[in-house]
Amino acid sequence: MKKFIPLIYIACGLVSCVSSLYPITEDAKEMVFKNEIIGTWKEVHGSAVYIVDTFNQENGKKYKVMVLDYGNDKQEVDTSNFLVTLVNINGHYFFDCMPDTSLPAYANMSDLTRQVMIPCHYILKVYSIDANYIALSGMDKDALKLLFKNKKVTIKHEEVSNDNILLTEKPDELKKKLMDLENSPVYERDSLVKVK
């Protein structure tokens, strides 16, 4: 699966095959906003472009991110939309990205379809943010599976398929356990550069 750099993947920048049932935090004091994130970004090592704007709710602490992935052939564009929250946990930053369910396509689904869909969170570690560069990382599924297998980490999870891991820890525990993983090989660094 392609890494999504949500800025969002930056939020919603690097989408990994590791998602979470819960957000990394529910504490509004840990949700922050940085104006320098707004703009258009491009992956340094990929073809995706991220258009980041503000979202008109949640006290202005969310970003609306459209990801345009041009793929290898540059012929087709895969468009994804996320709402992203920048989280500061004791000076350590994360992007918490989830699908933008405010879009008409979601609203036009039947009630039954919406009831069985559970929007998950993609959590990215953010190493640095400045006006023209963001260094971040999604979680590497295989590295995380190895940590689980060797009992080096104990995060509640389900292997939804061979390609997807769903973390099921509630926010307070999830936050602590993701902080413990910060220097482990589970994170794959990538970066975004501002286009305009």
C-alpha atoms as a PDB file:
ATOM      1  CA  MET A   1       0.000   0.000   0.000  1.00  0.00           C
ATOM      2  CA  LYS A   2       1.319   3.462  -0.862  1.00  0.00           C
ATOM      3  CA  LYS A   3       2.418   5.598   2.002  1.00  0.00           C
ATOM      4  CA  PHE A   4       0.204   8.598   2.459  1.00  0.00           C
ATOM      5  CA  ILE A   5       1.913  11.625   3.664  1.00  0.00           C
ATOM      6  CA  PRO A   6      -0.857  13.455   5.002  1.00  0.00           C
ATOM      7  CA  LEU A   7       0.530  16.230   5.517  1.00  0.00           C
ATOM      8  CA  ILE A   8      -1.588  14.543   5.782  1.00  0.00           C
ATOM      9  CA  TYR A   9      -0.939  12.125   5.128  1.00  0.00           C
ATOM     10  CA  ILE A  10       0.343  15.103   6.180  1.00  0.00           C
ATOM     11  CA  ALA A  11      -2.188  14.328   7.949  1.00  0.00           C
ATOM     12  CA  CYS A  12      -2.590  12.778   5.643  1.00  0.00           C
ATOM     13  CA  GLY A  13       0.826  12.652   4.124  1.00  0.00           C
ATOM     14  CA  LEU A  14       2.022   9.209   4.414  1.00  0.00           C
ATOM     15  CA  VAL A  15      -0.705   6.773   4.578  1.00  0.00           C
ATOM     16  CA  SER A  16       0.470   3.606   5.983  1.00  0.00           C
ATOM     17  CA  CYS A  17      -1.289   0.307   6.368  1.00  0.00           C
ATOM     18  CA  VAL A  18      -1.457   0.968  10.097  1.00  0.00           C
ATOM     19  CA  SER A  19      -4.545   2.788  11.303  1.00  0.00           C
ATOM     20  CA  SER A  20      -6.176   3.427  14.653  1.00  0.00           C
ATOM     21  CA  LEU A  21      -9.760   3.029  15.761  1.00  0.00           C
ATOM     22  CA  TYR A  22      -9.306   5.989  18.111  1.00  0.00           C
ATOM     23  CA  PRO A  23      -7.606   9.389  17.809  1.00  0.00           C
ATOM     24  CA  ILE A  24      -4.247   9.875  19.488  1.00  0.00           C
ATOM     25  CA  THR A  25      -5.840  12.389  21.879  1.00  0.00           C
ATOM     26  CA  GLU A  26      -9.212  13.782  22.871  1.00  0.00           C
ATOM     27  CA  ASP A  27      -7.659  16.596  24.913  1.00  0.00           C
ATOM     28  CA  ALA A  28      -8.298  19.912  23.115  1.00  0.00           C
ATOM     29  CA  LYS A  29      -5.262  21.420  24.895  1.00  0.00           C
ATOM     30  CA  GLU A  30      -3.017  19.025  22.955  1.00  0.00           C
ATOM     31  CA  MET A  31      -4.520  20.034  19.603  1.00  0.00           C
ATOM     32  CA  VAL A  32      -2.572  22.890  18.045  1.00  0.00           C
ATOM     33  CA  PHE A  33      -2.582  24.885  14.839  1.00  0.00           C
ATOM     34  CA  LYS A  34       0.347  26.188  12.803  1.00  0.00           C
ATOM     35  CA  ASN A  35      -0.376  28.580   9.925  1.00  0.00           C
ATOM     36  CA  GLU A  36       2.762  27.526   8.041  1.00  0.00           C
ATOM     37  CA  ILE A  37       1.114  24.182   7.231  1.00  0.00           C
ATOM     38  CA  ILE A  38      -1.487  25.863   5.010  1.00  0.00           C
ATOM     39  CA  GLY A  39      -0.534  25.742   1.327  1.00  0.00           C
ATOM     40  CA  THR A  40       0.378  23.280  -1.386  1.00  0.00           C
ATOM     41  CA  TRP A  41       2.994  20.629  -0.677  1.00  0.00           C
ATOM     42  CA  LYS A  42       4.738  17.945  -2.712  1.00  0.00           C
ATOM     43  CA  GLU A  43       6.339  14.707  -1.592  1.00  0.00           C
ATOM     44  CA  VAL A  44      10.130  14.762  -1.862  1.00  0.00           C
ATOM     45  CA  HIS A  45      10.265  11.059  -2.800  1.00  0.00           C
ATOM     46  CA  GLY A  46       6.907  10.616  -4.517  1.00  0.00           C
ATOM     47  CA  SER A  47       4.380  12.102  -6.870  1.00  0.00           C
ATOM     48  CA  ALA A  48       1.582  13.134  -4.505  1.00  0.00           C
ATOM     49  CA  VAL A  49       0.583  16.747  -3.997  1.00  0.00           C
ATOM     50  CA  TYR A  50      -1.147  17.922  -0.795  1.00  0.00           C
ATOM     51  CA  ILE A  51      -3.410  20.951  -0.773  1.00  0.00           C
ATOM     52  CA  VAL A  52      -3.887  22.058   2.831  1.00  0.00           C
ATOM     53  CA  ASP A  53      -6.463  24.558   4.038  1.00  0.00           C
ATOM     54  CA  THR A  54      -8.263  25.207   7.316  1.00  0.00           C
ATOM     55  CA  PHE A  55     -11.470  23.517   8.367  1.00  0.00           C
ATOM     56  CA  ASN A  56     -14.210  25.790   9.654  1.00  0.00           C
ATOM     57  CA  GLN A  57     -14.949  23.816  12.810  1.00  0.00           C
ATOM     58  CA  GLU A  58     -13.202  22.548  15.894  1.00  0.00           C
ATOM     59  CA  ASN A  59     -11.997  26.023  16.924  1.00  0.00           C
ATOM     60  CA  GLY A  60      -9.825  26.271  13.807  1.00  0.00           C
ATOM     61  CA  LYS A  61      -7.595  23.444  14.981  1.00  0.00           C
ATOM     62  CA  LYS A  62      -8.113  21.179  11.989  1.00  0.00           C
ATOM     63  CA  TYR A  63      -6.727  21.139   8.478  1.00  0.00           C
ATOM     64  CA  LYS A  64      -8.641  20.083   5.401  1.00  0.00           C
ATOM     65  CA  VAL A  65      -6.269  18.170   3.127  1.00  0.00           C
ATOM     66  CA  MET A  66      -6.786  17.086  -0.454  1.00  0.00           C
ATOM     67  CA  VAL A  67      -4.226  14.568  -1.675  1.00  0.00           C
ATOM     68  CA  LEU A  68      -3.678  14.279  -5.411  1.00  0.00           C
ATOM     69  CA  ASP A  69      -1.649  11.174  -6.197  1.00  0.00           C
ATOM     70  CA  TYR A  70      -0.509  11.111  -9.797  1.00  0.00           C
ATOM     71  CA  GLY A  71       0.921   7.599  -9.568  1.00  0.00           C
ATOM     72  CA  ASN A  72       3.755   6.226 -11.636  1.00  0.00           C
ATOM     73  CA  ASP A  73       2.112   6.646 -15.036  1.00  0.00           C
ATOM     74  CA  LYS A  74       1.109  10.302 -14.409  1.00  0.00           C
ATOM     75  CA  GLN A  75      -2.093   9.578 -16.354  1.00  0.00           C
ATOM     76  CA  GLU A  76      -4.584   8.998 -13.557  1.00  0.00           C
ATOM     77  CA  VAL A  77      -5.075  11.020 -10.426  1.00  0.00           C
ATOM     78  CA  ASP A  78      -6.259   9.387  -7.219  1.00  0.00           C
ATOM     79  CA  THR A  79      -7.873  12.026  -5.007  1.00  0.00           C
ATOM     80  CA  SER A  80      -8.263  11.566  -1.247  1.00  0.00           C
ATOM     81  CA  ASN A  81      -9.647  13.995   1.311  1.00  0.00           C
ATOM     82  CA  PHE A  82      -8.758  14.127   4.989  1.00  0.00           C
ATOM     83  CA  LEU A  83      -9.346  16.190   8.091  1.00  0.00           C
ATOM     84  CA  VAL A  84      -6.112  16.450  10.029  1.00  0.00           C
ATOM     85  CA  THR A  85      -5.335  17.537  13.545  1.00  0.00           C
ATOM     86  CA  LEU A  86      -1.844  18.543  14.638  1.00  0.00           C
ATOM     87  CA  VAL A  87      -1.235  17.184  18.131  1.00  0.00           C
ATOM     88  CA  ASN A  88       1.478  18.303  20.569  1.00  0.00           C
ATOM     89  CA  ILE A  89       2.197  15.786  23.313  1.00  0.00           C
ATOM     90  CA  ASN A  90       4.886  17.193  25.606  1.00  0.00           C
ATOM     91  CA  GLY A  91       6.725  18.788  22.677  1.00  0.00           C
ATOM     92  CA  HIS A  92       6.331  15.765  20.380  1.00  0.00           C
ATOM     93  CA  TYR A  93       4.128  16.341  17.336  1.00  0.00           C
ATOM     94  CA  PHE A  94       1.813  14.001  15.453  1.00  0.00           C
ATOM     95  CA  PHE A  95      -0.705  14.389  12.649  1.00  0.00           C
ATOM     96  CA  ASP A  96      -3.967  12.595  13.322  1.00  0.00           C
ATOM     97  CA  CYS A  97      -5.674  12.132   9.955  1.00  0.00           C
ATOM     98  CA  MET A  98      -9.078  10.771   9.199  1.00  0.00           C
ATOM     99  CA  PRO A  99     -11.278  10.675   6.115  1.00  0.00           C
ATOM    100  CA  ASP A 100     -13.235  13.864   5.471  1.00  0.00           C
ATOM    101  CA  THR A 101     -16.793  12.678   6.027  1.00  0.00           C
ATOM    102  CA  SER A 102     -18.168  16.193   5.484  1.00  0.00           C
ATOM    103  CA  LEU A 103     -17.925  15.754   1.700  1.00  0.00           C
ATOM    104  CA  PRO A 104     -21.099  15.312  -0.391  1.00  0.00           C
ATOM    105  CA  ALA A 105     -20.010  11.833  -1.537  1.00  0.00           C
ATOM    106  CA  TYR A 106     -20.179  10.631   2.053  1.00  0.00           C
ATOM    107  CA  ALA A 107     -23.449  12.430   2.765  1.00  0.00           C
ATOM    108  CA  ASN A 108     -25.012  10.840  -0.331  1.00  0.00           C
ATOM    109  CA  MET A 109     -24.390   7.303   0.925  1.00  0.00           C
ATOM    110  CA  SER A 110     -27.345   5.438   2.359  1.00  0.00           C
ATOM    111  CA  ASP A 111     -27.853   5.491   6.121  1.00  0.00           C
ATOM    112  CA  LEU A 112     -27.104   1.777   6.294  1.00  0.00           C
ATOM    113  CA  THR A 113     -23.806   2.204   4.432  1.00  0.00           C
ATOM    114  CA  ARG A 114     -22.729   5.077   6.699  1.00  0.00           C
ATOM    115  CA  GLN A 115     -23.618   3.056   9.808  1.00  0.00           C
ATOM    116  CA  VAL A 116     -21.257   0.229   8.909  1.00  0.00           C
ATOM    117  CA  MET A 117     -18.367   2.477   7.893  1.00  0.00           C
ATOM    118  CA  ILE A 118     -16.009   3.395  10.704  1.00  0.00           C
ATOM    119  CA  PRO A 119     -13.612   6.195   9.776  1.00  0.00           C
ATOM    120  CA  CYS A 120     -10.192   5.278  11.118  1.00  0.00           C
ATOM    121  CA  HIS A 121      -7.289   7.491  12.074  1.00  0.00           C
ATOM    122  CA  TYR A 122      -3.882   7.524  10.392  1.00  0.00           C
ATOM    123  CA  ILE A 123      -1.322   8.833  12.816  1.00  0.00           C
ATOM    124  CA  LEU A 124       1.926  10.281  11.545  1.00  0.00           C
ATOM    125  CA  LYS A 125       4.947  11.254  13.590  1.00  0.00           C
ATOM    126  CA  VAL A 126       6.033  14.824  12.777  1.00  0.00           C
ATOM    127  CA  TYR A 127       9.731  15.597  13.251  1.00  0.00           C
ATOM    128  CA  SER A 128       9.798  19.195  12.081  1.00  0.00           C
ATOM    129  CA  ILE A 129       7.636  21.848  10.487  1.00  0.00           C
ATOM    130  CA  ASP A 130       8.804  25.095   8.954  1.00  0.00           C
ATOM    131  CA  ALA A 131       7.489  27.400   6.261  1.00  0.00           C
ATOM    132  CA  ASN A 132       8.863  25.286   3.384  1.00  0.00           C
ATOM    133  CA  TYR A 133       9.531  21.793   4.722  1.00  0.00           C
ATOM    134  CA  ILE A 134       7.828  19.135   6.829  1.00  0.00           C
ATOM    135  CA  ALA A 135       9.607  15.984   7.987  1.00  0.00           C
ATOM    136  CA  LEU A 136       7.229  13.241   9.046  1.00  0.00           C
ATOM    137  CA  SER A 137       6.753   9.509   9.187  1.00  0.00           C
ATOM    138  CA  GLY A 138       4.040   6.909   8.898  1.00  0.00           C
ATOM    139  CA  MET A 139       4.297   3.563  10.633  1.00  0.00           C
ATOM    140  CA  ASP A 140       5.849   0.671   8.772  1.00  0.00           C
ATOM    141  CA  LYS A 141       3.441  -2.266   9.033  1.00  0.00           C
ATOM    142  CA  ASP A 142       6.119  -4.949   8.731  1.00  0.00           C
ATOM    143  CA  ALA A 143       8.379  -3.368  11.362  1.00  0.00           C
ATOM    144  CA  LEU A 144       5.414  -3.041  13.724  1.00  0.00           C
ATOM    145  CA  LYS A 145       4.401  -6.684  13.142  1.00  0.00           C
ATOM    146  CA  LEU A 146       7.945  -7.761  13.996  1.00  0.00           C
ATOM    147  CA  LEU A 147       7.812  -5.776  17.255  1.00  0.00           C
ATOM    148  CA  PHE A 148       4.506  -7.480  18.095  1.00  0.00           C
ATOM    149  CA  LYS A 149       5.911 -10.918  17.248  1.00  0.00           C
ATOM    150  CA  ASN A 150       9.036 -10.381  19.382  1.00  0.00           C
ATOM    151  CA  LYS A 151       6.912  -8.952  22.217  1.00  0.00           C
ATOM    152  CA  LYS A 152       8.860  -5.692  22.148  1.00  0.00           C
ATOM    153  CA  VAL A 153       5.636  -3.681  22.154  1.00  0.00           C
ATOM    154  CA  THR A 154       2.171  -4.315  23.544  1.00  0.00           C
ATOM    155  CA  ILE A 155      -0.374  -2.210  21.709  1.00  0.00           C
ATOM    156  CA  LYS A 156      -3.880  -3.619  21.442  1.00  0.00           C
ATOM    157  CA  HIS A 157      -4.526  -4.304  17.771  1.00  0.00           C
ATOM    158  CA  GLU A 158      -6.190  -6.456  15.159  1.00  0.00           C
ATOM    159  CA  GLU A 159      -4.663  -7.667  11.931  1.00  0.00           C
ATOM    160  CA  VAL A 160      -7.527  -6.809   9.616  1.00  0.00           C
ATOM    161  CA  SER A 161      -5.753  -8.478   6.706  1.00  0.00           C
ATOM    162  CA  ASN A 162      -2.192  -9.317   5.695  1.00  0.00           C
ATOM    163  CA  ASP A 163      -1.782  -5.709   4.628  1.00  0.00           C
ATOM    164  CA  ASN A 164      -3.566  -3.807   7.394  1.00  0.00           C
ATOM    165  CA  ILE A 165      -3.187  -3.416  11.156  1.00  0.00           C
ATOM    166  CA  LEU A 166      -5.873  -1.655  13.195  1.00  0.00           C
ATOM    167  CA  LEU A 167      -4.690  -0.294  16.554  1.00  0.00           C
ATOM    168  CA  THR A 168      -7.483  -0.531  19.131  1.00  0.00           C
ATOM    169  CA  GLU A 169      -5.964   1.253  22.152  1.00  0.00           C
ATOM    170  CA  LYS A 170      -8.048   4.107  23.569  1.00  0.00           C
ATOM    171  CA  PRO A 171      -6.484   7.602  23.301  1.00  0.00           C
ATOM    172  CA  ASP A 172      -4.716   7.854  26.667  1.00  0.00           C
ATOM    173  CA  GLU A 173      -2.950   4.506  26.280  1.00  0.00           C
ATOM    174  CA  LEU A 174      -2.419   4.951  22.532  1.00  0.00           C
ATOM    175  CA  LYS A 175      -0.633   8.236  23.158  1.00  0.00           C
ATOM    176  CA  LYS A 176       1.741   6.692  25.694  1.00  0.00           C
ATOM    177  CA  LYS A 177       2.507   3.661  23.557  1.00  0.00           C
ATOM    178  CA  LEU A 178       3.132   5.691  20.398  1.00  0.00           C
ATOM    179  CA  MET A 179       5.524   7.902  22.364  1.00  0.00           C
ATOM    180  CA  ASP A 180       7.386   4.752  23.459  1.00  0.00           C
ATOM    181  CA  LEU A 181       7.798   3.804  19.778  1.00  0.00           C
ATOM    182  CA  GLU A 182       9.236   7.175  18.817  1.00  0.00           C
ATOM    183  CA  ASN A 183      12.828   6.014  18.363  1.00  0.00           C
ATOM    184  CA  SER A 184      12.028   2.542  17.081  1.00  0.00           C
ATOM    185  CA  PRO A 185      12.433   1.335  13.478  1.00  0.00           C
ATOM    186  CA  VAL A 186       8.645   1.389  13.067  1.00  0.00           C
ATOM    187  CA  TYR A 187       8.728   4.940  11.678  1.00  0.00           C
ATOM    188  CA  GLU A 188       9.827   5.543   8.085  1.00  0.00           C
ATOM    189  CA  ARG A 189      10.863   9.129   7.535  1.00  0.00           C
ATOM    190  CA  ASP A 190       9.667  11.089   4.563  1.00  0.00           C
ATOM    191  CA  SER A 191       9.235  14.739   3.826  1.00  0.00           C
ATOM    192  CA  LEU A 192       7.140  17.324   2.061  1.00  0.00           C
ATOM    193  CA  VAL A 193       8.282  20.561   0.460  1.00  0.00           C
ATOM    194  CA  LYS A 194       6.073  23.573  -0.070  1.00  0.00           C
ATOM    195  CA  VAL A 195       5.171  24.336  -3.664  1.00  0.00           C
ATOM    196  CA  LYS A 196       3.285  27.565  -2.944  1.00  0.00           C
END
